Amino acid sequence: MSNPSVKGKVIDVLKPESGVSKSGKEWNRREFVIETDDQYPKKICCNLFGDKVNMIPSVGEDVEVSLNIESREYNGRWFHSLNAWKIDKSGQPNQVNDSNDLPPEFDESNDPHL
């Protein structure tokens, strides 16, 4: 499966989150929401991890976000993550993630959505 991308306008930037994984590794995450310009617009929440959270786009910016899609099971329920690894802002590429900076192991005790 090739890595999907989505184009749209940034409509919200959420507060930074941080914690410590089960393995004792500190992590931080920042989420942002884009709205597609499709016939039926969709709102899509994307994640940035590690020191790359500082590269988050601004509200109102047109972007194309390349994503890694990941799902995890916890207590019989499935949770999905859209992890941004590249953001093109107004036609200028902005590398957001590389193979050495992958999202941390899932630690349900640090996930505010559980």
PDB file of N, CA and C in Angstrom:
ATOM      1  N   MET A   1       0.850  -1.176   0.000  1.00  0.00           N
ATOM      2  CA  MET A   1       0.000   0.000   0.000  1.00  0.00           C
ATOM      3  C   MET A   1       0.894   1.236   0.000  1.00  0.00           C
ATOM      4  N   SER A   2       0.624   2.145  -0.909  1.00  0.00           N
ATOM      5  CA  SER A   2       1.390   3.391  -0.930  1.00  0.00           C
ATOM      6  C   SER A   2       0.869   4.330   0.144  1.00  0.00           C
ATOM      7  N   ASN A   3       1.726   5.238   0.584  1.00  0.00           N
ATOM      8  CA  ASN A   3       1.321   6.195   1.616  1.00  0.00           C
ATOM      9  C   ASN A   3       0.375   7.218   1.022  1.00  0.00           C
ATOM     10  N   PRO A   4      -0.798   7.374   1.624  1.00  0.00           N
ATOM     11  CA  PRO A   4      -1.772   8.339   1.113  1.00  0.00           C
ATOM     12  C   PRO A   4      -1.383   9.765   1.490  1.00  0.00           C
ATOM     13  N   SER A   5      -1.971  10.707   0.771  1.00  0.00           N
ATOM     14  CA  SER A   5      -1.827  12.118   1.132  1.00  0.00           C
ATOM     15  C   SER A   5      -3.195  12.769   1.027  1.00  0.00           C
ATOM     16  N   VAL A   6      -3.332  13.891   1.702  1.00  0.00           N
ATOM     17  CA  VAL A   6      -4.591  14.613   1.705  1.00  0.00           C
ATOM     18  C   VAL A   6      -4.279  16.104   1.579  1.00  0.00           C
ATOM     19  N   LYS A   7      -5.097  16.805   0.790  1.00  0.00           N
ATOM     20  CA  LYS A   7      -4.926  18.245   0.591  1.00  0.00           C
ATOM     21  C   LYS A   7      -6.087  18.984   1.245  1.00  0.00           C
ATOM     22  N   GLY A   8      -5.785  20.142   1.800  1.00  0.00           N
ATOM     23  CA  GLY A   8      -6.840  20.953   2.379  1.00  0.00           C
ATOM     24  C   GLY A   8      -6.280  22.162   3.097  1.00  0.00           C
ATOM     25  N   LYS A   9      -7.158  22.840   3.822  1.00  0.00           N
ATOM     26  CA  LYS A   9      -6.808  24.031   4.574  1.00  0.00           C
ATOM     27  C   LYS A   9      -6.799  23.686   6.055  1.00  0.00           C
ATOM     28  N   VAL A  10      -5.771  24.149   6.759  1.00  0.00           N
ATOM     29  CA  VAL A  10      -5.676  23.919   8.201  1.00  0.00           C
ATOM     30  C   VAL A  10      -6.746  24.766   8.884  1.00  0.00           C
ATOM     31  N   ILE A  11      -7.635  24.098   9.647  1.00  0.00           N
ATOM     32  CA  ILE A  11      -8.717  24.833  10.322  1.00  0.00           C
ATOM     33  C   ILE A  11      -8.548  24.870  11.840  1.00  0.00           C
ATOM     34  N   ASP A  12      -7.634  24.037  12.384  1.00  0.00           N
ATOM     35  CA  ASP A  12      -7.419  24.061  13.829  1.00  0.00           C
ATOM     36  C   ASP A  12      -6.071  23.436  14.144  1.00  0.00           C
ATOM     37  N   VAL A  13      -5.408  23.961  15.167  1.00  0.00           N
ATOM     38  CA  VAL A  13      -4.174  23.397  15.705  1.00  0.00           C
ATOM     39  C   VAL A  13      -4.431  23.152  17.186  1.00  0.00           C
ATOM     40  N   LEU A  14      -4.330  21.892  17.603  1.00  0.00           N
ATOM     41  CA  LEU A  14      -4.651  21.528  18.976  1.00  0.00           C
ATOM     42  C   LEU A  14      -3.448  21.713  19.899  1.00  0.00           C
ATOM     43  N   LYS A  15      -3.715  21.709  21.198  1.00  0.00           N
ATOM     44  CA  LYS A  15      -2.661  21.916  22.197  1.00  0.00           C
ATOM     45  C   LYS A  15      -1.671  20.760  22.179  1.00  0.00           C
ATOM     46  N   PRO A  16      -0.405  21.048  22.488  1.00  0.00           N
ATOM     47  CA  PRO A  16       0.599  19.980  22.559  1.00  0.00           C
ATOM     48  C   PRO A  16       0.274  18.998  23.689  1.00  0.00           C
ATOM     49  N   GLU A  17       0.645  17.738  23.491  1.00  0.00           N
ATOM     50  CA  GLU A  17       0.479  16.703  24.502  1.00  0.00           C
ATOM     51  C   GLU A  17       1.831  16.028  24.699  1.00  0.00           C
ATOM     52  N   SER A  18       2.099  15.537  25.926  1.00  0.00           N
ATOM     53  CA  SER A  18       3.350  14.837  26.179  1.00  0.00           C
ATOM     54  C   SER A  18       3.138  13.827  27.300  1.00  0.00           C
ATOM     55  N   GLY A  19       4.088  12.923  27.439  1.00  0.00           N
ATOM     56  CA  GLY A  19       4.005  11.918  28.476  1.00  0.00           C
ATOM     57  C   GLY A  19       5.218  11.018  28.436  1.00  0.00           C
ATOM     58  N   VAL A  20       5.109   9.882  29.117  1.00  0.00           N
ATOM     59  CA  VAL A  20       6.177   8.892  29.166  1.00  0.00           C
ATOM     60  C   VAL A  20       5.568   7.542  28.806  1.00  0.00           C
ATOM     61  N   SER A  21       6.194   6.838  27.865  1.00  0.00           N
ATOM     62  CA  SER A  21       5.682   5.534  27.440  1.00  0.00           C
ATOM     63  C   SER A  21       5.975   4.478  28.501  1.00  0.00           C
ATOM     64  N   LYS A  22       5.398   3.286  28.330  1.00  0.00           N
ATOM     65  CA  LYS A  22       5.644   2.178  29.259  1.00  0.00           C
ATOM     66  C   LYS A  22       7.125   1.846  29.346  1.00  0.00           C
ATOM     67  N   SER A  23       7.832   2.048  28.247  1.00  0.00           N
ATOM     68  CA  SER A  23       9.266   1.736  28.232  1.00  0.00           C
ATOM     69  C   SER A  23      10.102   2.859  28.848  1.00  0.00           C
ATOM     70  N   GLY A  24       9.446   3.933  29.323  1.00  0.00           N
ATOM     71  CA  GLY A  24      10.143   5.025  29.980  1.00  0.00           C
ATOM     72  C   GLY A  24      10.628   6.127  29.051  1.00  0.00           C
ATOM     73  N   LYS A  25      10.259   6.054  27.793  1.00  0.00           N
ATOM     74  CA  LYS A  25      10.683   7.052  26.813  1.00  0.00           C
ATOM     75  C   LYS A  25       9.695   8.220  26.792  1.00  0.00           C
ATOM     76  N   GLU A  26      10.218   9.440  26.896  1.00  0.00           N
ATOM     77  CA  GLU A  26       9.352  10.621  26.817  1.00  0.00           C
ATOM     78  C   GLU A  26       8.876  10.808  25.381  1.00  0.00           C
ATOM     79  N   TRP A  27       7.642  11.279  25.246  1.00  0.00           N
ATOM     80  CA  TRP A  27       7.084  11.536  23.920  1.00  0.00           C
ATOM     81  C   TRP A  27       6.313  12.846  23.954  1.00  0.00           C
ATOM     82  N   ASN A  28       6.156  13.450  22.779  1.00  0.00           N
ATOM     83  CA  ASN A  28       5.257  14.596  22.637  1.00  0.00           C
ATOM     84  C   ASN A  28       4.567  14.502  21.290  1.00  0.00           C
ATOM     85  N   ARG A  29       3.374  15.082  21.259  1.00  0.00           N
ATOM     86  CA  ARG A  29       2.515  14.979  20.076  1.00  0.00           C
ATOM     87  C   ARG A  29       1.778  16.296  19.902  1.00  0.00           C
ATOM     88  N   ARG A  30       1.513  16.633  18.657  1.00  0.00           N
ATOM     89  CA  ARG A  30       0.703  17.802  18.344  1.00  0.00           C
ATOM     90  C   ARG A  30      -0.216  17.408  17.208  1.00  0.00           C
ATOM     91  N   GLU A  31      -1.477  17.766  17.322  1.00  0.00           N
ATOM     92  CA  GLU A  31      -2.452  17.428  16.290  1.00  0.00           C
ATOM     93  C   GLU A  31      -2.947  18.698  15.617  1.00  0.00           C
ATOM     94  N   PHE A  32      -3.290  18.547  14.348  1.00  0.00           N
ATOM     95  CA  PHE A  32      -3.898  19.645  13.605  1.00  0.00           C
ATOM     96  C   PHE A  32      -4.994  19.070  12.717  1.00  0.00           C
ATOM     97  N   VAL A  33      -5.969  19.909  12.390  1.00  0.00           N
ATOM     98  CA  VAL A  33      -7.128  19.472  11.613  1.00  0.00           C
ATOM     99  C   VAL A  33      -7.135  20.220  10.287  1.00  0.00           C
ATOM    100  N   ILE A  34      -7.284  19.452   9.209  1.00  0.00           N
ATOM    101  CA  ILE A  34      -7.442  20.092   7.905  1.00  0.00           C
ATOM    102  C   ILE A  34      -8.834  19.760   7.377  1.00  0.00           C
ATOM    103  N   GLU A  35      -9.333  20.657   6.537  1.00  0.00           N
ATOM    104  CA  GLU A  35     -10.607  20.432   5.858  1.00  0.00           C
ATOM    105  C   GLU A  35     -10.314  20.354   4.377  1.00  0.00           C
ATOM    106  N   THR A  36     -10.747  19.249   3.750  1.00  0.00           N
ATOM    107  CA  THR A  36     -10.491  19.056   2.325  1.00  0.00           C
ATOM    108  C   THR A  36     -11.349  20.004   1.508  1.00  0.00           C
ATOM    109  N   ASP A  37     -10.940  20.205   0.267  1.00  0.00           N
ATOM    110  CA  ASP A  37     -11.728  21.063  -0.620  1.00  0.00           C
ATOM    111  C   ASP A  37     -12.510  20.222  -1.633  1.00  0.00           C
ATOM    112  N   ASP A  38     -12.841  19.003  -1.234  1.00  0.00           N
ATOM    113  CA  ASP A  38     -13.636  18.106  -2.073  1.00  0.00           C
ATOM    114  C   ASP A  38     -15.058  18.635  -2.224  1.00  0.00           C
ATOM    115  N   GLN A  39     -15.833  18.012  -3.116  1.00  0.00           N
ATOM    116  CA  GLN A  39     -17.232  18.379  -3.284  1.00  0.00           C
ATOM    117  C   GLN A  39     -17.964  18.276  -1.947  1.00  0.00           C
ATOM    118  N   TYR A  40     -17.648  17.229  -1.186  1.00  0.00           N
ATOM    119  CA  TYR A  40     -18.192  17.062   0.162  1.00  0.00           C
ATOM    120  C   TYR A  40     -16.999  17.127   1.126  1.00  0.00           C
ATOM    121  N   PRO A  41     -16.646  18.319   1.610  1.00  0.00           N
ATOM    122  CA  PRO A  41     -15.449  18.488   2.441  1.00  0.00           C
ATOM    123  C   PRO A  41     -15.467  17.594   3.675  1.00  0.00           C
ATOM    124  N   LYS A  42     -14.278  17.094   4.008  1.00  0.00           N
ATOM    125  CA  LYS A  42     -14.094  16.261   5.195  1.00  0.00           C
ATOM    126  C   LYS A  42     -13.079  16.927   6.102  1.00  0.00           C
ATOM    127  N   LYS A  43     -13.273  16.768   7.410  1.00  0.00           N
ATOM    128  CA  LYS A  43     -12.309  17.249   8.391  1.00  0.00           C
ATOM    129  C   LYS A  43     -11.460  16.061   8.822  1.00  0.00           C
ATOM    130  N   ILE A  44     -10.129  16.239   8.791  1.00  0.00           N
ATOM    131  CA  ILE A  44      -9.210  15.148   9.077  1.00  0.00           C
ATOM    132  C   ILE A  44      -8.182  15.621  10.095  1.00  0.00           C
ATOM    133  N   CYS A  45      -8.067  14.886  11.211  1.00  0.00           N
ATOM    134  CA  CYS A  45      -7.119  15.216  12.275  1.00  0.00           C
ATOM    135  C   CYS A  45      -5.839  14.414  12.053  1.00  0.00           C
ATOM    136  N   CYS A  46      -4.698  15.110  11.967  1.00  0.00           N
ATOM    137  CA  CYS A  46      -3.393  14.492  11.721  1.00  0.00           C
ATOM    138  C   CYS A  46      -2.481  14.708  12.926  1.00  0.00           C
ATOM    139  N   ASN A  47      -1.526  13.797  13.135  1.00  0.00           N
ATOM    140  CA  ASN A  47      -0.592  13.838  14.261  1.00  0.00           C
ATOM    141  C   ASN A  47       0.816  14.163  13.804  1.00  0.00           C
ATOM    142  N   LEU A  48       1.546  14.890  14.645  1.00  0.00           N
ATOM    143  CA  LEU A  48       2.989  15.077  14.515  1.00  0.00           C
ATOM    144  C   LEU A  48       3.610  14.609  15.825  1.00  0.00           C
ATOM    145  N   PHE A  49       4.795  13.950  15.757  1.00  0.00           N
ATOM    146  CA  PHE A  49       5.450  13.421  16.946  1.00  0.00           C
ATOM    147  C   PHE A  49       6.861  13.963  17.090  1.00  0.00           C
ATOM    148  N   GLY A  50       7.371  13.901  18.328  1.00  0.00           N
ATOM    149  CA  GLY A  50       8.754  14.256  18.620  1.00  0.00           C
ATOM    150  C   GLY A  50       9.052  15.722  18.396  1.00  0.00           C
ATOM    151  N   ASP A  51      10.313  16.003  18.054  1.00  0.00           N
ATOM    152  CA  ASP A  51      10.708  17.395  17.863  1.00  0.00           C
ATOM    153  C   ASP A  51      10.095  17.999  16.609  1.00  0.00           C
ATOM    154  N   LYS A  52       9.433  17.197  15.814  1.00  0.00           N
ATOM    155  CA  LYS A  52       8.787  17.691  14.592  1.00  0.00           C
ATOM    156  C   LYS A  52       7.499  18.466  14.882  1.00  0.00           C
ATOM    157  N   VAL A  53       7.010  18.428  16.133  1.00  0.00           N
ATOM    158  CA  VAL A  53       5.782  19.158  16.453  1.00  0.00           C
ATOM    159  C   VAL A  53       5.943  20.653  16.220  1.00  0.00           C
ATOM    160  N   ASN A  54       7.177  21.147  16.246  1.00  0.00           N
ATOM    161  CA  ASN A  54       7.417  22.566  15.999  1.00  0.00           C
ATOM    162  C   ASN A  54       7.207  22.951  14.541  1.00  0.00           C
ATOM    163  N   MET A  55       7.086  21.971  13.671  1.00  0.00           N
ATOM    164  CA  MET A  55       6.902  22.228  12.253  1.00  0.00           C
ATOM    165  C   MET A  55       5.425  22.245  11.863  1.00  0.00           C
ATOM    166  N   ILE A  56       4.566  22.397  12.845  1.00  0.00           N
ATOM    167  CA  ILE A  56       3.130  22.336  12.604  1.00  0.00           C
ATOM    168  C   ILE A  56       2.688  23.516  11.721  1.00  0.00           C
ATOM    169  N   PRO A  57       1.767  23.288  10.787  1.00  0.00           N
ATOM    170  CA  PRO A  57       1.294  24.378   9.942  1.00  0.00           C
ATOM    171  C   PRO A  57       0.394  25.334  10.718  1.00  0.00           C
ATOM    172  N   SER A  58       0.165  26.494  10.146  1.00  0.00           N
ATOM    173  CA  SER A  58      -0.673  27.518  10.776  1.00  0.00           C
ATOM    174  C   SER A  58      -2.113  27.410  10.305  1.00  0.00           C
ATOM    175  N   VAL A  59      -3.037  27.842  11.156  1.00  0.00           N
ATOM    176  CA  VAL A  59      -4.453  27.883  10.778  1.00  0.00           C
ATOM    177  C   VAL A  59      -4.590  28.778   9.541  1.00  0.00           C
ATOM    178  N   GLY A  60      -5.359  28.304   8.571  1.00  0.00           N
ATOM    179  CA  GLY A  60      -5.592  29.040   7.331  1.00  0.00           C
ATOM    180  C   GLY A  60      -4.657  28.663   6.201  1.00  0.00           C
ATOM    181  N   GLU A  61      -3.619  27.898   6.509  1.00  0.00           N
ATOM    182  CA  GLU A  61      -2.634  27.517   5.502  1.00  0.00           C
ATOM    183  C   GLU A  61      -3.153  26.363   4.643  1.00  0.00           C
ATOM    184  N   ASP A  62      -2.921  26.448   3.324  1.00  0.00           N
ATOM    185  CA  ASP A  62      -3.232  25.346   2.424  1.00  0.00           C
ATOM    186  C   ASP A  62      -2.054  24.384   2.436  1.00  0.00           C
ATOM    187  N   VAL A  63      -2.343  23.092   2.635  1.00  0.00           N
ATOM    188  CA  VAL A  63      -1.283  22.088   2.770  1.00  0.00           C
ATOM    189  C   VAL A  63      -1.646  20.810   2.028  1.00  0.00           C
ATOM    190  N   GLU A  64      -0.610  20.030   1.735  1.00  0.00           N
ATOM    191  CA  GLU A  64      -0.778  18.637   1.332  1.00  0.00           C
ATOM    192  C   GLU A  64       0.018  17.815   2.330  1.00  0.00           C
ATOM    193  N   VAL A  65      -0.652  16.893   3.020  1.00  0.00           N
ATOM    194  CA  VAL A  65      -0.044  16.117   4.088  1.00  0.00           C
ATOM    195  C   VAL A  65       0.090  14.670   3.643  1.00  0.00           C
ATOM    196  N   SER A  66       1.324  14.146   3.692  1.00  0.00           N
ATOM    197  CA  SER A  66       1.570  12.727   3.432  1.00  0.00           C
ATOM    198  C   SER A  66       1.465  12.006   4.766  1.00  0.00           C
ATOM    199  N   LEU A  67       0.751  10.870   4.768  1.00  0.00           N
ATOM    200  CA  LEU A  67       0.386  10.199   6.017  1.00  0.00           C
ATOM    201  C   LEU A  67       0.807   8.740   6.063  1.00  0.00           C
ATOM    202  N   ASN A  68       1.092   8.271   7.264  1.00  0.00           N
ATOM    203  CA  ASN A  68       1.156   6.852   7.586  1.00  0.00           C
ATOM    204  C   ASN A  68      -0.094   6.565   8.407  1.00  0.00           C
ATOM    205  N   ILE A  69      -0.864   5.577   7.989  1.00  0.00           N
ATOM    206  CA  ILE A  69      -2.088   5.213   8.705  1.00  0.00           C
ATOM    207  C   ILE A  69      -1.789   4.013   9.594  1.00  0.00           C
ATOM    208  N   GLU A  70      -2.217   4.111  10.855  1.00  0.00           N
ATOM    209  CA  GLU A  70      -1.943   3.047  11.817  1.00  0.00           C
ATOM    210  C   GLU A  70      -3.170   2.837  12.696  1.00  0.00           C
ATOM    211  N   SER A  71      -3.451   1.586  13.029  1.00  0.00           N
ATOM    212  CA  SER A  71      -4.556   1.249  13.938  1.00  0.00           C
ATOM    213  C   SER A  71      -4.024   0.383  15.059  1.00  0.00           C
ATOM    214  N   ARG A  72      -4.608   0.563  16.256  1.00  0.00           N
ATOM    215  CA  ARG A  72      -4.230  -0.228  17.428  1.00  0.00           C
ATOM    216  C   ARG A  72      -5.486  -0.684  18.146  1.00  0.00           C
ATOM    217  N   GLU A  73      -5.402  -1.896  18.703  1.00  0.00           N
ATOM    218  CA  GLU A  73      -6.515  -2.434  19.465  1.00  0.00           C
ATOM    219  C   GLU A  73      -6.244  -2.224  20.950  1.00  0.00           C
ATOM    220  N   TYR A  74      -7.265  -1.798  21.685  1.00  0.00           N
ATOM    221  CA  TYR A  74      -7.170  -1.637  23.127  1.00  0.00           C
ATOM    222  C   TYR A  74      -8.522  -2.002  23.724  1.00  0.00           C
ATOM    223  N   ASN A  75      -8.545  -3.007  24.588  1.00  0.00           N
ATOM    224  CA  ASN A  75      -9.771  -3.460  25.255  1.00  0.00           C
ATOM    225  C   ASN A  75     -10.907  -3.744  24.265  1.00  0.00           C
ATOM    226  N   GLY A  76     -10.564  -4.393  23.163  1.00  0.00           N
ATOM    227  CA  GLY A  76     -11.577  -4.787  22.192  1.00  0.00           C
ATOM    228  C   GLY A  76     -12.043  -3.684  21.260  1.00  0.00           C
ATOM    229  N   ARG A  77     -11.456  -2.495  21.362  1.00  0.00           N
ATOM    230  CA  ARG A  77     -11.809  -1.380  20.468  1.00  0.00           C
ATOM    231  C   ARG A  77     -10.584  -1.008  19.650  1.00  0.00           C
ATOM    232  N   TRP A  78     -10.832  -0.473  18.462  1.00  0.00           N
ATOM    233  CA  TRP A  78      -9.746  -0.069  17.577  1.00  0.00           C
ATOM    234  C   TRP A  78      -9.653   1.442  17.518  1.00  0.00           C
ATOM    235  N   PHE A  79      -8.420   1.942  17.575  1.00  0.00           N
ATOM    236  CA  PHE A  79      -8.135   3.373  17.509  1.00  0.00           C
ATOM    237  C   PHE A  79      -7.181   3.625  16.345  1.00  0.00           C
ATOM    238  N   HIS A  80      -7.407   4.700  15.627  1.00  0.00           N
ATOM    239  CA  HIS A  80      -6.662   4.988  14.409  1.00  0.00           C
ATOM    240  C   HIS A  80      -5.823   6.256  14.569  1.00  0.00           C
ATOM    241  N   SER A  81      -4.675   6.249  13.923  1.00  0.00           N
ATOM    242  CA  SER A  81      -3.797   7.415  13.917  1.00  0.00           C
ATOM    243  C   SER A  81      -3.422   7.742  12.481  1.00  0.00           C
ATOM    244  N   LEU A  82      -3.416   9.011  12.162  1.00  0.00           N
ATOM    245  CA  LEU A  82      -2.944   9.506  10.877  1.00  0.00           C
ATOM    246  C   LEU A  82      -1.681  10.307  11.174  1.00  0.00           C
ATOM    247  N   ASN A  83      -0.532   9.650  11.005  1.00  0.00           N
ATOM    248  CA  ASN A  83       0.748  10.246  11.367  1.00  0.00           C
ATOM    249  C   ASN A  83       1.367  10.945  10.164  1.00  0.00           C
ATOM    250  N   ALA A  84       1.477  12.274  10.248  1.00  0.00           N
ATOM    251  CA  ALA A  84       2.064  13.057   9.163  1.00  0.00           C
ATOM    252  C   ALA A  84       3.568  12.831   9.113  1.00  0.00           C
ATOM    253  N   TRP A  85       4.104  12.583   7.915  1.00  0.00           N
ATOM    254  CA  TRP A  85       5.552  12.435   7.773  1.00  0.00           C
ATOM    255  C   TRP A  85       6.112  13.463   6.799  1.00  0.00           C
ATOM    256  N   LYS A  86       5.240  14.138   6.055  1.00  0.00           N
ATOM    257  CA  LYS A  86       5.672  15.219   5.175  1.00  0.00           C
ATOM    258  C   LYS A  86       4.516  16.188   5.012  1.00  0.00           C
ATOM    259  N   ILE A  87       4.820  17.481   5.060  1.00  0.00           N
ATOM    260  CA  ILE A  87       3.811  18.509   4.844  1.00  0.00           C
ATOM    261  C   ILE A  87       4.322  19.456   3.775  1.00  0.00           C
ATOM    262  N   ASP A  88       3.546  19.611   2.701  1.00  0.00           N
ATOM    263  CA  ASP A  88       3.847  20.609   1.677  1.00  0.00           C
ATOM    264  C   ASP A  88       2.966  21.807   1.965  1.00  0.00           C
ATOM    265  N   LYS A  89       3.606  22.932   2.262  1.00  0.00           N
ATOM    266  CA  LYS A  89       2.888  24.170   2.544  1.00  0.00           C
ATOM    267  C   LYS A  89       2.978  25.063   1.317  1.00  0.00           C
ATOM    268  N   SER A  90       1.845  25.370   0.712  1.00  0.00           N
ATOM    269  CA  SER A  90       1.806  26.264  -0.451  1.00  0.00           C
ATOM    270  C   SER A  90       2.849  25.892  -1.493  1.00  0.00           C
ATOM    271  N   GLY A  91       2.984  24.587  -1.766  1.00  0.00           N
ATOM    272  CA  GLY A  91       3.876  24.128  -2.815  1.00  0.00           C
ATOM    273  C   GLY A  91       5.328  23.954  -2.404  1.00  0.00           C
ATOM    274  N   GLN A  92       5.682  24.202  -1.138  1.00  0.00           N
ATOM    275  CA  GLN A  92       7.065  24.032  -0.700  1.00  0.00           C
ATOM    276  C   GLN A  92       7.140  22.844   0.258  1.00  0.00           C
ATOM    277  N   PRO A  93       7.875  21.786  -0.109  1.00  0.00           N
ATOM    278  CA  PRO A  93       7.965  20.606   0.756  1.00  0.00           C
ATOM    279  C   PRO A  93       8.586  20.937   2.101  1.00  0.00           C
ATOM    280  N   ASN A  94       8.087  20.271   3.128  1.00  0.00           N
ATOM    281  CA  ASN A  94       8.595  20.444   4.488  1.00  0.00           C
ATOM    282  C   ASN A  94       8.659  19.067   5.111  1.00  0.00           C
ATOM    283  N   GLN A  95       9.850  18.480   5.189  1.00  0.00           N
ATOM    284  CA  GLN A  95       9.995  17.127   5.741  1.00  0.00           C
ATOM    285  C   GLN A  95       9.612  17.135   7.215  1.00  0.00           C
ATOM    286  N   VAL A  96       8.681  16.284   7.597  1.00  0.00           N
ATOM    287  CA  VAL A  96       8.172  16.277   8.957  1.00  0.00           C
ATOM    288  C   VAL A  96       8.643  15.073   9.752  1.00  0.00           C
ATOM    289  N   ASN A  97       8.919  13.979   9.120  1.00  0.00           N
ATOM    290  CA  ASN A  97       9.290  12.769   9.851  1.00  0.00           C
ATOM    291  C   ASN A  97      10.255  11.964   9.000  1.00  0.00           C
ATOM    292  N   ASP A  98      11.180  11.276   9.597  1.00  0.00           N
ATOM    293  CA  ASP A  98      12.053  10.378   8.862  1.00  0.00           C
ATOM    294  C   ASP A  98      12.037   9.012   9.531  1.00  0.00           C
ATOM    295  N   SER A  99      12.723   8.059   8.925  1.00  0.00           N
ATOM    296  CA  SER A  99      12.649   6.688   9.424  1.00  0.00           C
ATOM    297  C   SER A  99      13.228   6.542  10.826  1.00  0.00           C
ATOM    298  N   ASN A 100      14.048   7.486  11.290  1.00  0.00           N
ATOM    299  CA  ASN A 100      14.626   7.404  12.629  1.00  0.00           C
ATOM    300  C   ASN A 100      13.786   8.117  13.671  1.00  0.00           C
ATOM    301  N   ASP A 101      12.688   8.706  13.281  1.00  0.00           N
ATOM    302  CA  ASP A 101      11.861   9.482  14.208  1.00  0.00           C
ATOM    303  C   ASP A 101      10.416   9.012  14.105  1.00  0.00           C
ATOM    304  N   LEU A 102      10.209   7.747  14.405  1.00  0.00           N
ATOM    305  CA  LEU A 102       8.874   7.165  14.318  1.00  0.00           C
ATOM    306  C   LEU A 102       8.088   7.460  15.585  1.00  0.00           C
ATOM    307  N   PRO A 103       6.752   7.430  15.512  1.00  0.00           N
ATOM    308  CA  PRO A 103       5.938   7.645  16.707  1.00  0.00           C
ATOM    309  C   PRO A 103       6.305   6.631  17.790  1.00  0.00           C
ATOM    310  N   PRO A 104       6.168   7.012  19.066  1.00  0.00           N
ATOM    311  CA  PRO A 104       6.512   6.099  20.157  1.00  0.00           C
ATOM    312  C   PRO A 104       5.541   4.933  20.239  1.00  0.00           C
ATOM    313  N   GLU A 105       5.943   3.924  21.009  1.00  0.00           N
ATOM    314  CA  GLU A 105       5.033   2.809  21.245  1.00  0.00           C
ATOM    315  C   GLU A 105       3.757   3.332  21.881  1.00  0.00           C
ATOM    316  N   PHE A 106       2.659   2.716  21.541  1.00  0.00           N
ATOM    317  CA  PHE A 106       1.388   3.111  22.104  1.00  0.00           C
ATOM    318  C   PHE A 106       1.358   2.798  23.593  1.00  0.00           C
ATOM    319  N   ASP A 107       0.967   3.761  24.387  1.00  0.00           N
ATOM    320  CA  ASP A 107       0.844   3.589  25.822  1.00  0.00           C
ATOM    321  C   ASP A 107      -0.511   4.136  26.227  1.00  0.00           C
ATOM    322  N   GLU A 108      -1.478   3.235  26.381  1.00  0.00           N
ATOM    323  CA  GLU A 108      -2.857   3.651  26.633  1.00  0.00           C
ATOM    324  C   GLU A 108      -2.999   4.520  27.880  1.00  0.00           C
ATOM    325  N   SER A 109      -2.103   4.425  28.840  1.00  0.00           N
ATOM    326  CA  SER A 109      -2.220   5.229  30.056  1.00  0.00           C
ATOM    327  C   SER A 109      -1.929   6.701  29.783  1.00  0.00           C
ATOM    328  N   ASN A 110      -1.263   6.997  28.674  1.00  0.00           N
ATOM    329  CA  ASN A 110      -0.944   8.378  28.317  1.00  0.00           C
ATOM    330  C   ASN A 110      -1.866   8.939  27.248  1.00  0.00           C
ATOM    331  N   ASP A 111      -2.783   8.147  26.732  1.00  0.00           N
ATOM    332  CA  ASP A 111      -3.648   8.608  25.659  1.00  0.00           C
ATOM    333  C   ASP A 111      -4.883   9.273  26.244  1.00  0.00           C
ATOM    334  N   PRO A 112      -5.051  10.586  26.027  1.00  0.00           N
ATOM    335  CA  PRO A 112      -6.190  11.292  26.603  1.00  0.00           C
ATOM    336  C   PRO A 112      -7.523  10.907  25.972  1.00  0.00           C
ATOM    337  N   HIS A 113      -7.489  10.164  24.866  1.00  0.00           N
ATOM    338  CA  HIS A 113      -8.725   9.811  24.170  1.00  0.00           C
ATOM    339  C   HIS A 113      -9.302   8.483  24.651  1.00  0.00           C
ATOM    340  N   LEU A 114      -8.622   7.834  25.589  1.00  0.00           N
ATOM    341  CA  LEU A 114      -9.110   6.541  26.087  1.00  0.00           C
ATOM    342  C   LEU A 114      -9.697   6.687  27.461  1.00  0.00           C
TER     343      LEU A 114
END
